[in-house]
Amino acid sequence: MTQEEIFKNLISHTKEYGFIFPSSEIYDGLSAVYDYGQMGSELKNNIKKYWWDSMVKLNENIVGIDSCIFMHPKIWKASGHVDAFNDPLIDNKDSKKRYRADVLIEDYIAKIEAKIDKEVAKGRKRFGDSFDEAQFRATNPNVLREEKKAEEVRQRMAKALNDNDLAGLRQIIIDCEIVDPISGTRNWTDVRQFNLMFSTQLGNISGEDGTLYLRPETAQGIFVNFLNVQKSGRMKIPFGIAQIGKAFRNEIVARQFIFRMREFEQMEMQFFVRPGQELEWFRHWKQKRLSWHLAIGMGEENYRFHDHEKLAHYANAATDIEFNFPFGFKELEGIHSRTDFDLGRHQEFSGRKIQYFDPETNASYVPYVIETSIGVDRTVLAVLSAAYRQEKLDNGEERVVMRFHPALSPVKVAVLPLVKKEELTNLAQSIMNDLKYDFNCQYEEKDTIGRRYRRQDAIGTPFCVTIDFDSLTDGRVTLRDRDTMAQERVPVSELHSIVEKKVSMKSLLEKI
């Protein structure tokens, strides 16, 4: 089964089992907008809690805020979003479809990389256990030729983006003979800039004076509250401000399920440091954030750093943590050293002095900023795609199982009386009532126990507790493990502590 087929099956699975629904579906939906169902909202909230606790609970010098979606329009002028928050837009004249020019080129490079991977796979099959991948990549003429081709295109794109050379971007598309995926033609328009911000009007005021924007990022809400947080919290440099919130971007091409949406959620932390120490802190947060991801247990091989070839004019270092989604390695989180650009710009545009008096140096300065920014929805997609398994069992049966880390699983425990008999259901309800105050639980008594196990596997429940007739006399229940399907008899009195040890968020946080 191809990765594309697996991805389609995953999307169907998320709808069937209540993770993610197309928004406004009864009205034929709304492009690139999705609703989280009963399982998806639990998973999403668990991911947000994991991030929040890792930032605010584990770091005494990081606090959290919740700023508004609507902010003064001058904020977006100061941040540069009004004038420069653009993507390069190109149309195909035959299909009438719009695309991001840089994404078309990135997809072209990805196809070259796929060719390289196929060549490596052929070499591995040919040489078996003696295969040395590093040497093969360094010496194989086909691999070297394709790598050179990809690198040349990558360098041309980076230069065109840095120079804001729209004609240059179009020329790359022409030279690489990139065709429209729908029409199959190369009948392209010129490349032009497209601003990504959604605008609306304030109250009954029309015109430019009443224009407000739906925020395209949450970071600016942190920057404009720097003084409030620093003074009210008596914060000392270095310190951070964390926030989780909605953001909105009018994406040219929103695709790949919840990977790129027009309404999405971000988890951002801005860490304020003394000028001159920013690169040291940049390296610190680069490794710290990777540790956060690796603790989830989705495989170190599925992550990589991608250092930016195109640096924003205000940045002196930037990298992405990329994850191996079913459609390839894509950005999951960005870590940026933003210098003093943000606070400096808001100081300039607001006319307010936004500085920090450092008692150690006896001097005032505009702090430098290290940003960590991760998409909640992209993280949900990463967790879903890594957890999804279609397994063939020893007895010939098949099952679909979501192998979430237990701390992130939407449902922690399923309580299942073996049959629907009053004496069993009474004990089951008693166990349910004991567990539900600390864990999200499900109670099920319909269908055979095997079918109920399969349903719980499909939503990723790590533990099923089965109450049978022996439970009435020996005070024990059967605890089934999702991943191994192993079953053991455990005392009812120990059930809570056994589950707590496995599903606690602490088990994740201790690994960071």
Protein backbone atom coordinates (compact mmCIF):
# COMPACT_ATOMS: atom_id res chain seq x y z
CA MET A 1 0.00 0.00 0.00
CA THR A 2 1.41 3.40 -0.99
CA GLN A 3 1.82 6.30 1.42
CA GLU A 4 -0.90 8.17 -0.50
CA GLU A 5 -3.33 5.28 0.01
CA ILE A 6 -2.45 5.06 3.70
CA PHE A 7 -3.03 8.81 4.05
CA LYS A 8 -6.47 8.52 2.42
CA ASN A 9 -7.34 5.65 4.77
CA LEU A 10 -6.21 7.75 7.74
CA ILE A 11 -8.43 10.66 6.69
CA SER A 12 -11.42 8.32 6.37
CA HIS A 13 -10.60 6.78 9.74
CA THR A 14 -10.50 10.16 11.49
CA LYS A 15 -14.00 10.92 10.28
CA GLU A 16 -15.47 7.48 11.00
CA TYR A 17 -14.23 7.47 14.60
CA GLY A 18 -14.94 11.06 15.55
CA PHE A 19 -11.53 12.70 15.30
CA ILE A 20 -11.95 15.26 12.49
CA PHE A 21 -14.92 16.28 10.33
CA PRO A 22 -15.11 18.51 7.26
CA SER A 23 -16.59 21.78 8.52
CA SER A 24 -20.14 22.65 7.44
CA GLU A 25 -20.39 19.27 5.73
CA ILE A 26 -24.20 19.27 5.44
CA TYR A 27 -23.78 22.41 3.30
CA ASP A 28 -21.13 20.67 1.14
CA GLY A 29 -18.30 21.88 3.33
CA LEU A 30 -15.91 24.82 3.34
CA SER A 31 -12.50 24.47 1.73
CA ALA A 32 -9.57 23.91 4.10
CA VAL A 33 -11.67 24.27 7.28
CA TYR A 34 -12.16 21.34 9.65
CA ASP A 35 -13.99 20.63 12.90
CA TYR A 36 -12.60 18.43 15.65
CA GLY A 37 -14.95 15.71 16.83
CA GLN A 38 -15.25 14.09 20.23
CA MET A 39 -12.01 12.12 19.90
CA GLY A 40 -10.10 14.80 18.02
CA SER A 41 -10.86 17.52 20.53
CA GLU A 42 -9.62 15.30 23.38
CA LEU A 43 -6.42 14.49 21.48
CA LYS A 44 -5.90 18.15 20.62
CA ASN A 45 -6.43 19.26 24.21
CA ASN A 46 -3.97 16.64 25.47
CA ILE A 47 -1.32 17.89 23.04
CA LYS A 48 -1.92 21.48 24.13
CA LYS A 49 -1.67 20.50 27.79
CA TYR A 50 1.59 18.66 27.13
CA TRP A 51 3.05 21.75 25.44
CA TRP A 52 1.70 24.18 28.06
CA ASP A 53 2.94 22.14 31.00
CA SER A 54 6.35 21.66 29.39
CA MET A 55 6.69 25.43 29.00
CA VAL A 56 4.95 26.93 32.02
CA LYS A 57 5.20 24.20 34.65
CA LEU A 58 8.74 23.02 33.95
CA ASN A 59 10.28 26.48 33.52
CA GLU A 60 10.09 28.90 36.43
CA ASN A 61 10.97 31.80 34.11
CA ILE A 62 8.19 31.18 31.56
CA VAL A 63 4.61 32.37 32.07
CA GLY A 64 1.52 32.12 29.90
CA ILE A 65 -0.98 34.65 28.57
CA ASP A 66 -4.06 34.68 26.34
CA SER A 67 -4.25 37.72 24.06
CA CYS A 68 -7.13 38.75 21.80
CA ILE A 69 -7.62 37.79 18.18
CA PHE A 70 -8.54 41.39 17.32
CA MET A 71 -5.76 43.89 17.93
CA HIS A 72 -5.05 47.49 16.97
CA PRO A 73 -4.35 47.63 13.19
CA LYS A 74 -1.11 49.54 13.79
CA ILE A 75 0.30 46.38 15.33
CA TRP A 76 0.24 44.69 11.93
CA LYS A 77 1.80 47.73 10.31
CA ALA A 78 4.62 47.64 12.85
CA SER A 79 5.14 43.89 12.46
CA GLY A 80 5.36 44.20 8.67
CA HIS A 81 2.32 42.06 7.95
CA VAL A 82 0.37 44.80 6.18
CA ASP A 83 3.14 45.45 3.67
CA ALA A 84 5.02 42.19 3.44
CA PHE A 85 2.93 39.21 4.56
CA ASN A 86 2.65 37.77 1.08
CA ASP A 87 3.00 34.51 -0.80
CA PRO A 88 4.02 34.28 -4.48
CA LEU A 89 0.84 33.45 -6.44
CA ILE A 90 0.74 31.89 -9.90
CA ASP A 91 -2.24 30.73 -12.02
CA ASN A 92 -2.52 28.13 -14.71
CA LYS A 93 -4.50 29.65 -17.57
CA ASP A 94 -5.98 26.32 -18.65
CA SER A 95 -7.12 24.82 -15.34
CA LYS A 96 -7.88 28.25 -13.81
CA LYS A 97 -6.28 26.98 -10.60
CA ARG A 98 -4.05 29.02 -8.30
CA TYR A 99 -0.80 27.83 -6.76
CA ARG A 100 2.04 29.07 -4.62
CA ALA A 101 5.01 29.36 -6.94
CA ASP A 102 7.49 28.27 -4.26
CA VAL A 103 5.38 25.21 -3.39
CA LEU A 104 5.32 24.12 -7.03
CA ILE A 105 9.11 24.29 -7.04
CA GLU A 106 9.37 22.50 -3.67
CA ASP A 107 7.16 19.71 -5.03
CA TYR A 108 9.46 19.45 -8.05
CA ILE A 109 12.47 19.10 -5.74
CA ALA A 110 10.58 16.51 -3.69
CA LYS A 111 10.08 14.41 -6.84
CA ILE A 112 13.83 14.51 -7.47
CA GLU A 113 14.46 13.42 -3.87
CA ALA A 114 11.97 10.58 -4.36
CA LYS A 115 14.00 9.42 -7.37
CA ILE A 116 17.11 9.43 -5.20
CA ASP A 117 15.34 7.39 -2.52
CA LYS A 118 14.29 4.83 -5.15
CA GLU A 119 17.89 4.58 -6.37
CA VAL A 120 19.06 4.03 -2.78
CA ALA A 121 16.37 1.37 -2.27
CA LYS A 122 17.60 -0.45 -5.38
CA GLY A 123 21.14 -0.36 -4.02
CA ARG A 124 20.01 -1.70 -0.66
CA LYS A 125 18.18 -4.56 -2.36
CA ARG A 126 21.20 -5.35 -4.52
CA PHE A 127 23.91 -5.34 -1.83
CA GLY A 128 21.88 -6.57 1.16
CA ASP A 129 23.55 -6.49 4.58
CA SER A 130 26.80 -5.10 3.13
CA PHE A 131 25.04 -1.98 1.86
CA ASP A 132 26.64 1.30 2.99
CA GLU A 133 24.06 4.01 2.31
CA ALA A 134 26.38 6.95 3.03
CA GLN A 135 29.02 5.64 0.62
CA PHE A 136 26.36 4.83 -1.99
CA ARG A 137 24.98 8.37 -1.84
CA ALA A 138 28.49 9.82 -2.08
CA THR A 139 29.60 7.75 -5.09
CA ASN A 140 26.61 6.61 -7.16
CA PRO A 141 26.56 8.71 -10.37
CA ASN A 142 22.76 8.69 -10.67
CA VAL A 143 22.34 9.89 -7.10
CA LEU A 144 25.02 12.56 -7.49
CA ARG A 145 23.45 13.82 -10.71
CA GLU A 146 19.97 14.11 -9.16
CA GLU A 147 21.33 15.72 -5.97
CA LYS A 148 23.17 18.33 -8.01
CA LYS A 149 20.02 19.03 -10.02
CA ALA A 150 17.91 19.45 -6.84
CA GLU A 151 20.51 21.66 -5.17
CA GLU A 152 20.77 23.97 -8.18
CA VAL A 153 16.99 24.47 -8.21
CA ARG A 154 16.95 24.94 -4.43
CA GLN A 155 19.64 27.63 -4.61
CA ARG A 156 17.87 29.45 -7.45
CA MET A 157 14.59 29.46 -5.51
CA ALA A 158 16.29 30.70 -2.32
CA LYS A 159 17.90 33.58 -4.22
CA ALA A 160 14.66 34.52 -5.99
CA LEU A 161 12.75 34.52 -2.68
CA ASN A 162 15.44 36.54 -0.93
CA ASP A 163 15.52 39.08 -3.76
CA ASN A 164 11.71 39.13 -4.08
CA ASP A 165 12.35 38.24 -7.74
CA LEU A 166 8.90 37.15 -8.94
CA ALA A 167 10.01 36.89 -12.56
CA GLY A 168 12.88 34.69 -11.41
CA LEU A 169 10.47 32.34 -9.64
CA ARG A 170 8.39 32.01 -12.79
CA GLN A 171 11.50 31.32 -14.84
CA ILE A 172 12.44 28.43 -12.56
CA ILE A 173 8.97 26.93 -13.13
CA ILE A 174 9.43 27.31 -16.90
CA ASP A 175 13.00 25.95 -16.92
CA CYS A 176 12.04 22.92 -14.81
CA GLU A 177 9.08 22.29 -17.14
CA ILE A 178 6.71 22.12 -14.17
CA VAL A 179 3.19 21.33 -15.34
CA ASP A 180 -0.15 22.01 -13.75
CA PRO A 181 -1.27 18.78 -11.98
CA ILE A 182 -4.82 19.20 -13.30
CA SER A 183 -4.48 20.44 -16.89
CA GLY A 184 -1.02 19.01 -17.49
CA THR A 185 0.01 22.22 -19.28
CA ARG A 186 2.73 24.81 -18.69
CA ASN A 187 0.52 27.78 -19.56
CA TRP A 188 1.41 29.90 -16.52
CA THR A 189 0.62 33.51 -15.65
CA ASP A 190 3.18 35.87 -14.15
CA VAL A 191 3.92 35.47 -10.44
CA ARG A 192 2.42 38.14 -8.19
CA GLN A 193 2.24 38.77 -4.46
CA PHE A 194 -0.85 37.79 -2.48
CA ASN A 195 -1.46 39.15 1.04
CA LEU A 196 -2.56 36.42 3.44
CA MET A 197 -4.41 38.46 6.08
CA PHE A 198 -8.18 38.39 6.49
CA SER A 199 -9.67 41.83 7.09
CA THR A 200 -12.95 42.95 8.63
CA GLN A 201 -14.55 46.18 9.84
CA LEU A 202 -14.71 47.55 13.36
CA GLY A 203 -18.32 48.12 14.42
CA ASN A 204 -20.16 50.46 12.07
CA ILE A 205 -17.03 52.31 10.94
CA SER A 206 -16.33 51.69 7.25
CA GLY A 207 -13.23 52.51 5.27
CA GLU A 208 -9.54 52.26 6.10
CA ASP A 209 -9.94 53.73 9.61
CA GLY A 210 -12.25 50.89 10.64
CA THR A 211 -10.22 48.02 9.18
CA LEU A 212 -9.25 45.26 11.56
CA TYR A 213 -7.41 42.03 10.81
CA LEU A 214 -7.83 38.50 12.04
CA ARG A 215 -4.40 37.86 13.49
CA PRO A 216 -2.16 35.77 11.21
CA GLU A 217 0.00 34.72 14.19
CA THR A 218 -0.20 34.84 17.97
CA ALA A 219 3.31 36.22 18.55
CA GLN A 220 2.39 39.91 18.30
CA GLY A 221 -0.01 39.56 21.23
CA ILE A 222 3.00 38.52 23.29
CA PHE A 223 5.22 41.38 22.12
CA VAL A 224 2.69 44.13 22.82
CA ASN A 225 2.17 42.71 26.33
CA PHE A 226 5.89 42.49 27.10
CA LEU A 227 5.87 45.43 29.52
CA ASN A 228 2.65 44.34 31.23
CA VAL A 229 3.95 40.83 31.89
CA GLN A 230 7.48 41.92 32.84
CA LYS A 231 6.34 44.52 35.34
CA SER A 232 3.36 42.71 36.85
CA GLY A 233 5.31 39.46 37.16
CA ARG A 234 8.59 41.14 38.15
CA MET A 235 10.25 39.01 35.50
CA LYS A 236 14.00 39.04 35.05
CA ILE A 237 15.85 38.46 31.79
CA PRO A 238 16.02 35.77 30.50
CA PHE A 239 12.31 34.92 30.62
CA GLY A 240 9.61 33.69 28.29
CA ILE A 241 5.95 34.27 27.52
CA ALA A 242 3.88 31.38 26.16
CA GLN A 243 0.54 31.42 24.40
CA ILE A 244 -1.86 29.07 22.64
CA GLY A 245 -4.40 30.61 20.30
CA LYS A 246 -6.17 30.77 16.97
CA ALA A 247 -4.64 32.38 13.89
CA PHE A 248 -6.00 32.95 10.39
CA ARG A 249 -4.34 33.01 6.97
CA ASN A 250 -5.98 33.29 3.58
CA GLU A 251 -3.84 30.54 2.09
CA ILE A 252 -3.59 30.41 -1.69
CA VAL A 253 -3.56 26.64 -1.66
CA ALA A 254 -4.72 24.98 1.53
CA ARG A 255 -4.26 21.24 1.20
CA GLN A 256 -3.02 18.01 2.73
CA PHE A 257 -5.91 17.70 5.17
CA ILE A 258 -5.25 19.68 8.38
CA PHE A 259 -1.61 20.39 7.50
CA ARG A 260 -2.43 23.75 5.93
CA MET A 261 -5.69 25.42 6.89
CA ARG A 262 -7.14 28.91 6.83
CA GLU A 263 -8.14 28.78 10.50
CA PHE A 264 -5.62 27.06 12.73
CA GLU A 265 -4.12 27.08 16.20
CA GLN A 266 -0.58 27.91 17.29
CA MET A 267 1.52 27.23 20.36
CA GLU A 268 4.16 29.95 20.58
CA MET A 269 6.74 30.95 23.14
CA GLN A 270 8.83 34.11 22.92
CA PHE A 271 11.98 33.98 25.05
CA PHE A 272 13.54 37.36 25.86
CA VAL A 273 17.31 37.46 26.31
CA ARG A 274 20.22 39.85 26.70
CA PRO A 275 21.67 41.01 23.33
CA GLY A 276 24.73 38.97 22.49
CA GLN A 277 23.39 35.83 24.15
CA GLU A 278 20.70 35.08 21.60
CA LEU A 279 22.57 32.44 19.57
CA GLU A 280 23.43 30.48 22.71
CA TRP A 281 19.74 30.46 23.66
CA PHE A 282 18.80 29.65 20.06
CA ARG A 283 20.88 26.46 20.28
CA HIS A 284 19.37 25.68 23.68
CA TRP A 285 15.79 25.90 22.48
CA LYS A 286 16.58 24.06 19.27
CA GLN A 287 17.59 20.97 21.24
CA LYS A 288 14.97 21.45 23.95
CA ARG A 289 12.15 21.50 21.43
CA LEU A 290 13.43 18.42 19.64
CA SER A 291 13.46 16.60 23.00
CA TRP A 292 9.80 17.55 23.46
CA HIS A 293 8.93 15.90 20.16
CA LEU A 294 11.04 12.79 20.71
CA ALA A 295 9.41 12.14 24.10
CA ILE A 296 6.11 11.37 22.30
CA GLY A 297 7.82 8.29 20.85
CA MET A 298 7.14 8.73 17.14
CA GLY A 299 10.68 7.75 16.09
CA GLU A 300 13.83 9.86 15.95
CA GLU A 301 14.20 8.97 12.26
CA ASN A 302 10.97 10.87 11.53
CA TYR A 303 12.45 14.23 12.58
CA ARG A 304 15.12 16.43 11.09
CA PHE A 305 16.33 20.02 11.33
CA HIS A 306 16.13 22.21 8.26
CA ASP A 307 18.15 25.40 8.55
CA HIS A 308 16.65 28.30 6.61
CA GLU A 309 18.38 29.31 3.41
CA LYS A 310 16.18 32.40 3.27
CA LEU A 311 16.47 34.35 6.52
CA ALA A 312 13.94 37.04 7.33
CA HIS A 313 15.61 40.45 7.36
CA TYR A 314 15.22 40.70 11.13
CA ALA A 315 16.56 37.21 11.97
CA ASN A 316 20.11 36.05 12.53
CA ALA A 317 19.30 32.32 12.86
CA ALA A 318 16.32 30.14 11.95
CA THR A 319 15.60 26.46 11.70
CA ASP A 320 12.58 24.20 11.26
CA ILE A 321 11.89 20.90 12.93
CA GLU A 322 10.49 18.83 10.07
CA PHE A 323 8.41 15.68 10.51
CA ASN A 324 8.06 12.83 8.07
CA PHE A 325 4.35 13.09 7.24
CA PRO A 326 2.75 10.59 4.82
CA PHE A 327 3.47 13.17 2.09
CA GLY A 328 7.12 13.64 3.07
CA PHE A 329 9.19 15.78 5.43
CA LYS A 330 7.44 19.09 6.13
CA GLU A 331 7.75 21.86 8.70
CA LEU A 332 6.25 21.10 12.09
CA GLU A 333 7.89 23.74 14.27
CA GLY A 334 10.02 26.81 13.73
CA ILE A 335 12.75 28.13 16.03
CA HIS A 336 13.90 31.67 15.20
CA SER A 337 16.32 34.21 16.59
CA ARG A 338 14.38 37.40 15.85
CA THR A 339 16.92 39.88 17.35
CA ASP A 340 15.25 43.05 18.72
CA PHE A 341 13.11 43.64 15.64
CA ASP A 342 9.67 43.03 17.17
CA LEU A 343 9.98 45.02 20.36
CA GLY A 344 11.96 47.70 18.51
CA ARG A 345 9.26 48.13 15.88
CA HIS A 346 6.47 48.34 18.46
CA GLN A 347 8.53 50.88 20.39
CA GLU A 348 8.85 52.94 17.20
CA PHE A 349 5.20 52.74 16.10
CA SER A 350 3.60 53.12 19.54
CA GLY A 351 5.88 55.86 20.82
CA ARG A 352 6.22 53.91 24.07
CA LYS A 353 9.59 52.99 25.53
CA ILE A 354 9.77 49.18 25.47
CA GLN A 355 13.02 48.38 27.23
CA TYR A 356 14.33 46.32 30.11
CA PHE A 357 16.58 47.68 32.84
CA ASP A 358 19.16 45.01 33.59
CA PRO A 359 20.39 45.27 37.20
CA GLU A 360 23.38 43.08 36.37
CA THR A 361 24.70 45.41 33.66
CA ASN A 362 23.12 48.57 35.08
CA ALA A 363 21.85 49.40 31.58
CA SER A 364 18.56 49.52 29.68
CA TYR A 365 18.11 47.77 26.35
CA VAL A 366 15.53 46.33 23.99
CA PRO A 367 15.70 42.55 24.60
CA TYR A 368 16.43 40.08 21.83
CA VAL A 369 13.91 37.29 21.21
CA ILE A 370 14.11 33.56 20.55
CA GLU A 371 10.83 32.24 19.18
CA THR A 372 9.51 28.70 19.22
CA SER A 373 6.34 28.35 17.14
CA ILE A 374 4.48 25.11 16.52
CA GLY A 375 1.12 24.41 14.87
CA VAL A 376 -1.36 22.53 17.04
CA ASP A 377 -3.14 21.09 14.01
CA ARG A 378 0.09 19.97 12.36
CA THR A 379 1.08 18.27 15.59
CA VAL A 380 -2.30 16.52 15.70
CA LEU A 381 -1.70 15.33 12.13
CA ALA A 382 1.82 14.14 12.99
CA VAL A 383 0.52 12.21 16.00
CA LEU A 384 -2.36 10.72 14.01
CA SER A 385 -0.20 9.66 11.07
CA ALA A 386 2.48 8.12 13.33
CA ALA A 387 -0.11 6.29 15.44
CA TYR A 388 -2.19 4.81 12.59
CA ARG A 389 -1.55 1.11 12.01
CA GLN A 390 -3.23 -1.55 9.89
CA GLU A 391 -2.10 -4.83 11.43
CA LYS A 392 -2.52 -8.48 10.52
CA LEU A 393 -2.75 -10.64 13.63
CA ASP A 394 -1.36 -14.14 14.21
CA ASN A 395 -4.83 -15.65 13.91
CA GLY A 396 -5.28 -14.16 10.45
CA GLU A 397 -7.59 -11.35 11.56
CA GLU A 398 -6.85 -7.70 10.91
CA ARG A 399 -7.20 -4.66 13.11
CA VAL A 400 -6.76 -0.91 12.81
CA VAL A 401 -5.10 0.54 15.89
CA MET A 402 -4.06 4.04 16.88
CA ARG A 403 -0.81 3.67 18.84
CA PHE A 404 -0.90 7.02 20.64
CA HIS A 405 1.37 7.68 23.58
CA PRO A 406 -0.99 6.79 26.48
CA ALA A 407 -0.74 10.33 27.91
CA LEU A 408 -2.09 11.76 24.64
CA SER A 409 -4.79 9.16 23.99
CA PRO A 410 -8.30 10.68 23.86
CA VAL A 411 -9.75 7.89 26.01
CA LYS A 412 -7.51 6.36 28.67
CA VAL A 413 -9.63 3.43 29.87
CA ALA A 414 -12.60 1.49 28.52
CA VAL A 415 -14.72 -0.28 31.15
CA LEU A 416 -16.39 -3.35 29.66
CA PRO A 417 -18.68 -5.80 31.46
CA LEU A 418 -18.26 -9.17 29.75
CA VAL A 419 -22.01 -9.52 29.25
CA LYS A 420 -24.97 -7.30 30.01
CA LYS A 421 -25.96 -8.82 33.36
CA GLU A 422 -27.00 -6.66 36.31
CA GLU A 423 -24.40 -8.00 38.70
CA LEU A 424 -21.61 -7.34 36.20
CA THR A 425 -22.88 -3.93 35.07
CA ASN A 426 -23.23 -2.79 38.69
CA LEU A 427 -19.58 -3.61 39.41
CA ALA A 428 -18.51 -2.09 36.09
CA GLN A 429 -20.35 1.14 36.86
CA SER A 430 -18.71 1.25 40.28
CA ILE A 431 -15.26 0.93 38.67
CA MET A 432 -16.22 3.53 36.07
CA ASN A 433 -17.28 5.97 38.80
CA ASP A 434 -13.96 5.50 40.58
CA LEU A 435 -11.83 6.10 37.46
CA LYS A 436 -13.74 8.86 35.67
CA TYR A 437 -12.66 11.65 38.05
CA ASP A 438 -9.02 11.27 36.97
CA PHE A 439 -9.18 9.69 33.50
CA ASN A 440 -11.33 10.10 30.42
CA CYS A 441 -13.17 6.76 30.32
CA GLN A 442 -15.69 5.01 28.10
CA TYR A 443 -18.28 2.51 29.24
CA GLU A 444 -19.45 -0.10 26.70
CA GLU A 445 -21.69 -3.11 27.14
CA LYS A 446 -22.99 -3.67 23.59
CA ASP A 447 -21.62 -6.35 21.19
CA THR A 448 -19.12 -9.11 21.82
CA ILE A 449 -16.03 -8.32 23.84
CA GLY A 450 -13.89 -8.83 20.72
CA ARG A 451 -15.76 -6.19 18.76
CA ARG A 452 -15.54 -3.78 21.66
CA TYR A 453 -11.78 -4.33 21.84
CA ARG A 454 -11.50 -3.48 18.13
CA ARG A 455 -13.47 -0.26 18.56
CA GLN A 456 -11.21 0.81 21.40
CA ASP A 457 -8.11 -0.06 19.33
CA ALA A 458 -9.46 2.14 16.55
CA ILE A 459 -9.65 5.21 18.81
CA GLY A 460 -6.36 4.42 20.55
CA THR A 461 -7.55 3.54 24.06
CA PRO A 462 -4.46 2.15 25.85
CA PHE A 463 -6.35 0.00 28.40
CA CYS A 464 -9.55 -2.03 28.45
CA VAL A 465 -10.90 -3.29 31.77
CA THR A 466 -13.13 -6.37 31.45
CA ILE A 467 -15.40 -7.38 34.32
CA ASP A 468 -16.45 -11.05 34.32
CA PHE A 469 -18.23 -13.36 36.75
CA ASP A 470 -14.98 -14.23 38.54
CA SER A 471 -14.60 -10.53 39.33
CA LEU A 472 -17.60 -10.81 41.64
CA THR A 473 -15.77 -13.27 43.87
CA ASP A 474 -12.03 -12.64 43.50
CA GLY A 475 -12.10 -8.82 43.27
CA ARG A 476 -9.98 -8.89 40.10
CA VAL A 477 -10.58 -7.68 36.55
CA THR A 478 -8.86 -8.34 33.23
CA LEU A 479 -6.65 -5.48 32.07
CA ARG A 480 -5.92 -5.56 28.33
CA ASP A 481 -3.02 -3.65 26.80
CA ARG A 482 -3.76 -1.98 23.44
CA ASP A 483 -0.33 -2.44 21.88
CA THR A 484 0.54 -6.00 22.94
CA MET A 485 -3.07 -7.20 23.37
CA ALA A 486 -1.75 -8.99 26.48
CA GLN A 487 -4.27 -9.55 29.26
CA GLU A 488 -3.64 -9.88 32.97
CA ARG A 489 -5.77 -10.19 36.03
CA VAL A 490 -5.30 -7.29 38.43
CA PRO A 491 -7.00 -6.38 41.71
CA VAL A 492 -9.69 -3.72 41.40
CA SER A 493 -8.04 -1.94 44.31
CA GLU A 494 -4.81 -1.48 42.28
CA LEU A 495 -6.47 -0.52 39.00
CA HIS A 496 -6.30 3.24 39.52
CA SER A 497 -2.58 3.28 40.36
CA ILE A 498 -1.68 0.97 37.44
CA VAL A 499 -3.49 3.20 34.94
CA GLU A 500 -2.14 6.40 36.51
CA LYS A 501 1.45 5.23 36.13
CA LYS A 502 0.98 4.52 32.42
CA VAL A 503 -1.14 7.45 31.24
CA SER A 504 0.08 10.31 33.41
CA MET A 505 1.37 13.42 31.62
CA LYS A 506 4.28 13.20 34.04
CA SER A 507 5.57 10.19 32.10
CA LEU A 508 6.01 12.47 29.09
CA LEU A 509 7.34 15.53 30.89
CA GLU A 510 10.05 13.55 32.66
CA LYS A 511 11.59 12.59 29.30
CA ILE A 512 12.17 16.16 28.12
